[in-house]
């Protein structure tokens, strides 16, 4: 398997690992997103107010959850930020 294909599958696997703990496997709740940050990106693990603001920014359609497409947009933005440094 090519490296890019592996990385794309890892992105989906990571989403799936955290999504669904609240019953909806197609989205991340705020608590699931907090858990993902805490484990996978500890430097983004902030206080409740920071999480609320970040969640609101990720929840593009304002439905109270982060879908996989919204998560992918986040991951792409994060990659651009990491690449800038």
N, C-alpha and C. Protein backbone atom coordinates (compact mmCIF):
# COMPACT_ATOMS: atom_id res chain seq x y z
N UNK A 1 0.85 -1.18 0.00
CA UNK A 1 0.00 0.00 0.00
C UNK A 1 0.89 1.24 0.00
N UNK A 2 0.52 2.22 -0.80
CA UNK A 2 1.29 3.45 -0.90
C UNK A 2 1.16 4.27 0.39
N UNK A 3 2.17 5.08 0.67
CA UNK A 3 2.21 5.84 1.92
C UNK A 3 0.99 6.77 2.06
N UNK A 4 0.63 7.49 1.00
CA UNK A 4 -0.51 8.39 1.09
C UNK A 4 -1.79 7.62 1.39
N UNK A 5 -1.97 6.49 0.76
CA UNK A 5 -3.15 5.66 1.01
C UNK A 5 -3.19 5.21 2.47
N UNK A 6 -2.05 4.85 3.02
CA UNK A 6 -1.97 4.46 4.44
C UNK A 6 -2.38 5.62 5.34
N UNK A 7 -1.89 6.81 5.03
CA UNK A 7 -2.20 7.97 5.85
C UNK A 7 -3.68 8.34 5.79
N UNK A 8 -4.27 8.22 4.61
CA UNK A 8 -5.70 8.50 4.48
C UNK A 8 -6.53 7.49 5.27
N UNK A 9 -6.13 6.24 5.21
CA UNK A 9 -6.83 5.21 5.99
C UNK A 9 -6.66 5.46 7.49
N UNK A 10 -5.48 5.92 7.88
CA UNK A 10 -5.23 6.23 9.29
C UNK A 10 -6.11 7.38 9.77
N UNK A 11 -6.34 8.36 8.93
CA UNK A 11 -7.22 9.46 9.27
C UNK A 11 -8.63 8.95 9.56
N UNK A 12 -9.14 8.08 8.70
CA UNK A 12 -10.47 7.51 8.90
C UNK A 12 -10.49 6.60 10.12
N UNK A 13 -9.46 5.82 10.32
CA UNK A 13 -9.37 4.92 11.48
C UNK A 13 -9.37 5.72 12.77
N UNK A 14 -8.65 6.84 12.79
CA UNK A 14 -8.62 7.69 13.98
C UNK A 14 -9.99 8.27 14.26
N UNK A 15 -10.66 8.77 13.24
CA UNK A 15 -12.02 9.29 13.41
C UNK A 15 -12.93 8.20 13.99
N UNK A 16 -12.88 7.03 13.38
CA UNK A 16 -13.75 5.91 13.81
C UNK A 16 -13.46 5.46 15.24
N UNK A 17 -12.21 5.59 15.66
CA UNK A 17 -11.82 5.18 17.01
C UNK A 17 -12.55 6.00 18.07
N UNK A 18 -12.80 7.28 17.79
CA UNK A 18 -13.40 8.17 18.78
C UNK A 18 -14.89 8.41 18.54
N UNK A 19 -15.32 8.35 17.29
CA UNK A 19 -16.74 8.57 16.97
C UNK A 19 -17.56 7.36 17.40
N UNK A 20 -18.77 7.60 17.79
CA UNK A 20 -19.68 6.51 18.10
C UNK A 20 -19.74 6.09 19.55
N UNK A 21 -18.88 6.64 20.37
CA UNK A 21 -18.94 6.29 21.79
C UNK A 21 -20.24 6.78 22.41
N UNK A 22 -20.83 7.80 21.78
CA UNK A 22 -22.12 8.32 22.26
C UNK A 22 -23.29 7.75 21.47
N UNK A 23 -23.02 6.80 20.58
CA UNK A 23 -24.08 6.15 19.82
C UNK A 23 -24.14 6.51 18.35
N UNK A 24 -23.51 7.62 17.93
CA UNK A 24 -23.53 8.04 16.53
C UNK A 24 -22.14 7.85 15.95
N UNK A 25 -21.96 6.77 15.20
CA UNK A 25 -20.63 6.45 14.67
C UNK A 25 -20.20 7.33 13.50
N UNK A 26 -21.11 8.20 13.04
CA UNK A 26 -20.81 9.06 11.90
C UNK A 26 -20.39 10.46 12.29
N UNK A 27 -20.25 10.70 13.60
CA UNK A 27 -19.86 12.04 14.03
C UNK A 27 -19.13 11.99 15.36
N UNK A 28 -18.48 13.10 15.66
CA UNK A 28 -17.81 13.28 16.94
C UNK A 28 -18.61 14.27 17.77
N UNK A 29 -18.94 13.88 18.98
CA UNK A 29 -19.55 14.83 19.92
C UNK A 29 -18.42 15.69 20.50
N UNK A 30 -18.79 16.69 21.26
CA UNK A 30 -17.77 17.52 21.90
C UNK A 30 -16.91 16.70 22.85
N UNK A 31 -17.52 15.77 23.59
CA UNK A 31 -16.77 14.92 24.53
C UNK A 31 -15.83 13.98 23.77
N UNK A 32 -16.29 13.44 22.65
CA UNK A 32 -15.44 12.56 21.85
C UNK A 32 -14.27 13.33 21.25
N UNK A 33 -14.53 14.55 20.80
CA UNK A 33 -13.46 15.38 20.26
C UNK A 33 -12.44 15.72 21.34
N UNK A 34 -12.92 16.02 22.53
CA UNK A 34 -12.02 16.30 23.65
C UNK A 34 -11.14 15.10 23.94
N UNK A 35 -11.72 13.90 23.90
CA UNK A 35 -10.96 12.67 24.13
C UNK A 35 -9.91 12.49 23.04
N UNK A 36 -10.29 12.73 21.79
CA UNK A 36 -9.35 12.62 20.67
C UNK A 36 -8.19 13.58 20.86
N UNK A 37 -8.48 14.84 21.19
CA UNK A 37 -7.41 15.81 21.41
C UNK A 37 -6.50 15.38 22.56
N UNK A 38 -7.11 14.94 23.64
CA UNK A 38 -6.34 14.56 24.82
C UNK A 38 -5.32 13.46 24.50
N UNK A 39 -5.73 12.49 23.72
CA UNK A 39 -4.87 11.34 23.42
C UNK A 39 -3.98 11.58 22.19
N UNK A 40 -4.57 12.08 21.11
CA UNK A 40 -3.87 12.15 19.83
C UNK A 40 -3.09 13.44 19.61
N UNK A 41 -3.58 14.56 20.16
CA UNK A 41 -2.94 15.86 19.97
C UNK A 41 -2.91 16.58 21.31
N UNK A 42 -2.10 16.10 22.25
CA UNK A 42 -2.14 16.66 23.61
C UNK A 42 -1.90 18.17 23.67
N UNK A 43 -1.13 18.71 22.73
CA UNK A 43 -0.88 20.15 22.77
C UNK A 43 -2.13 20.97 22.46
N UNK A 44 -3.18 20.34 21.95
CA UNK A 44 -4.45 21.02 21.69
C UNK A 44 -5.47 20.76 22.80
N UNK A 45 -5.07 20.03 23.80
CA UNK A 45 -5.96 19.68 24.91
C UNK A 45 -6.03 20.88 25.86
N UNK A 46 -7.10 21.67 25.74
CA UNK A 46 -7.21 22.89 26.53
C UNK A 46 -8.36 22.83 27.51
N UNK A 47 -8.71 24.00 28.01
CA UNK A 47 -9.82 24.08 28.96
C UNK A 47 -11.16 24.04 28.23
N UNK A 48 -12.24 24.00 29.01
CA UNK A 48 -13.58 23.86 28.42
C UNK A 48 -13.92 25.00 27.48
N UNK A 49 -13.57 26.21 27.83
CA UNK A 49 -13.89 27.36 26.97
C UNK A 49 -13.16 27.24 25.63
N UNK A 50 -11.90 26.85 25.66
CA UNK A 50 -11.14 26.67 24.42
C UNK A 50 -11.77 25.56 23.57
N UNK A 51 -12.15 24.46 24.22
CA UNK A 51 -12.77 23.36 23.50
C UNK A 51 -14.09 23.81 22.87
N UNK A 52 -14.90 24.56 23.62
CA UNK A 52 -16.17 25.05 23.09
C UNK A 52 -15.95 25.90 21.84
N UNK A 53 -14.98 26.80 21.89
CA UNK A 53 -14.69 27.65 20.74
C UNK A 53 -14.18 26.84 19.56
N UNK A 54 -13.30 25.90 19.84
CA UNK A 54 -12.74 25.08 18.78
C UNK A 54 -13.83 24.22 18.15
N UNK A 55 -14.66 23.61 18.98
CA UNK A 55 -15.75 22.78 18.50
C UNK A 55 -16.69 23.59 17.61
N UNK A 56 -17.02 24.79 18.04
CA UNK A 56 -17.91 25.65 17.25
C UNK A 56 -17.30 25.95 15.88
N UNK A 57 -16.00 26.12 15.83
CA UNK A 57 -15.33 26.36 14.56
C UNK A 57 -15.30 25.15 13.65
N UNK A 58 -15.18 23.96 14.23
CA UNK A 58 -15.16 22.73 13.44
C UNK A 58 -16.54 22.35 12.94
N UNK A 59 -17.55 22.65 13.73
CA UNK A 59 -18.92 22.27 13.40
C UNK A 59 -19.49 23.23 12.37
N UNK A 60 -19.04 23.07 11.13
CA UNK A 60 -19.38 24.00 10.07
C UNK A 60 -20.86 24.16 9.81
N UNK A 61 -21.63 23.09 9.91
CA UNK A 61 -23.06 23.19 9.64
C UNK A 61 -23.88 23.44 10.90
N UNK A 62 -23.18 23.62 12.03
CA UNK A 62 -23.80 23.97 13.32
C UNK A 62 -24.89 22.99 13.76
N UNK A 63 -24.61 21.68 13.53
CA UNK A 63 -25.58 20.67 13.96
C UNK A 63 -25.23 20.03 15.30
N UNK A 64 -24.21 20.57 15.97
CA UNK A 64 -23.85 20.08 17.29
C UNK A 64 -22.95 18.85 17.29
N UNK A 65 -22.39 18.52 16.12
CA UNK A 65 -21.47 17.38 16.03
C UNK A 65 -20.50 17.64 14.89
N UNK A 66 -19.38 16.93 14.92
CA UNK A 66 -18.36 17.07 13.89
C UNK A 66 -18.41 15.82 13.02
N UNK A 67 -18.77 16.01 11.76
CA UNK A 67 -18.85 14.91 10.80
C UNK A 67 -17.45 14.57 10.29
N UNK A 68 -17.35 13.47 9.57
CA UNK A 68 -16.05 13.11 9.00
C UNK A 68 -15.55 14.17 8.02
N UNK A 69 -16.40 14.71 7.11
CA UNK A 69 -15.88 15.78 6.24
C UNK A 69 -15.38 17.01 7.02
N UNK A 70 -16.07 17.36 8.10
CA UNK A 70 -15.60 18.47 8.92
C UNK A 70 -14.28 18.12 9.60
N UNK A 71 -14.13 16.88 10.03
CA UNK A 71 -12.88 16.41 10.64
C UNK A 71 -11.74 16.45 9.62
N UNK A 72 -12.02 16.07 8.38
CA UNK A 72 -11.00 16.09 7.33
C UNK A 72 -10.55 17.52 7.06
N UNK A 73 -11.49 18.46 7.05
CA UNK A 73 -11.11 19.88 6.87
C UNK A 73 -10.19 20.32 8.01
N UNK A 74 -10.51 19.91 9.23
CA UNK A 74 -9.66 20.22 10.38
C UNK A 74 -8.26 19.64 10.18
N UNK A 75 -8.19 18.36 9.77
CA UNK A 75 -6.90 17.70 9.60
C UNK A 75 -6.08 18.39 8.51
N UNK A 76 -6.72 18.79 7.43
CA UNK A 76 -6.01 19.49 6.35
C UNK A 76 -5.48 20.84 6.83
N UNK A 77 -6.29 21.57 7.58
CA UNK A 77 -5.86 22.85 8.13
C UNK A 77 -4.70 22.67 9.09
N UNK A 78 -4.81 21.66 9.94
CA UNK A 78 -3.74 21.36 10.89
C UNK A 78 -2.44 21.02 10.15
N UNK A 79 -2.54 20.28 9.06
CA UNK A 79 -1.36 19.93 8.26
C UNK A 79 -0.71 21.19 7.70
N UNK A 80 -1.53 22.11 7.21
CA UNK A 80 -0.98 23.37 6.69
C UNK A 80 -0.29 24.17 7.77
N UNK A 81 -0.86 24.18 8.98
CA UNK A 81 -0.23 24.89 10.08
C UNK A 81 1.09 24.25 10.48
N UNK A 82 1.12 22.93 10.55
CA UNK A 82 2.37 22.23 10.89
C UNK A 82 3.43 22.48 9.83
N UNK A 83 3.01 22.54 8.58
CA UNK A 83 3.94 22.74 7.47
C UNK A 83 4.50 24.16 7.48
N UNK A 84 3.77 25.11 8.04
CA UNK A 84 4.21 26.50 8.07
C UNK A 84 5.37 26.73 9.02
N UNK A 85 5.56 25.81 9.95
CA UNK A 85 6.63 25.99 10.95
C UNK A 85 7.84 25.24 10.61
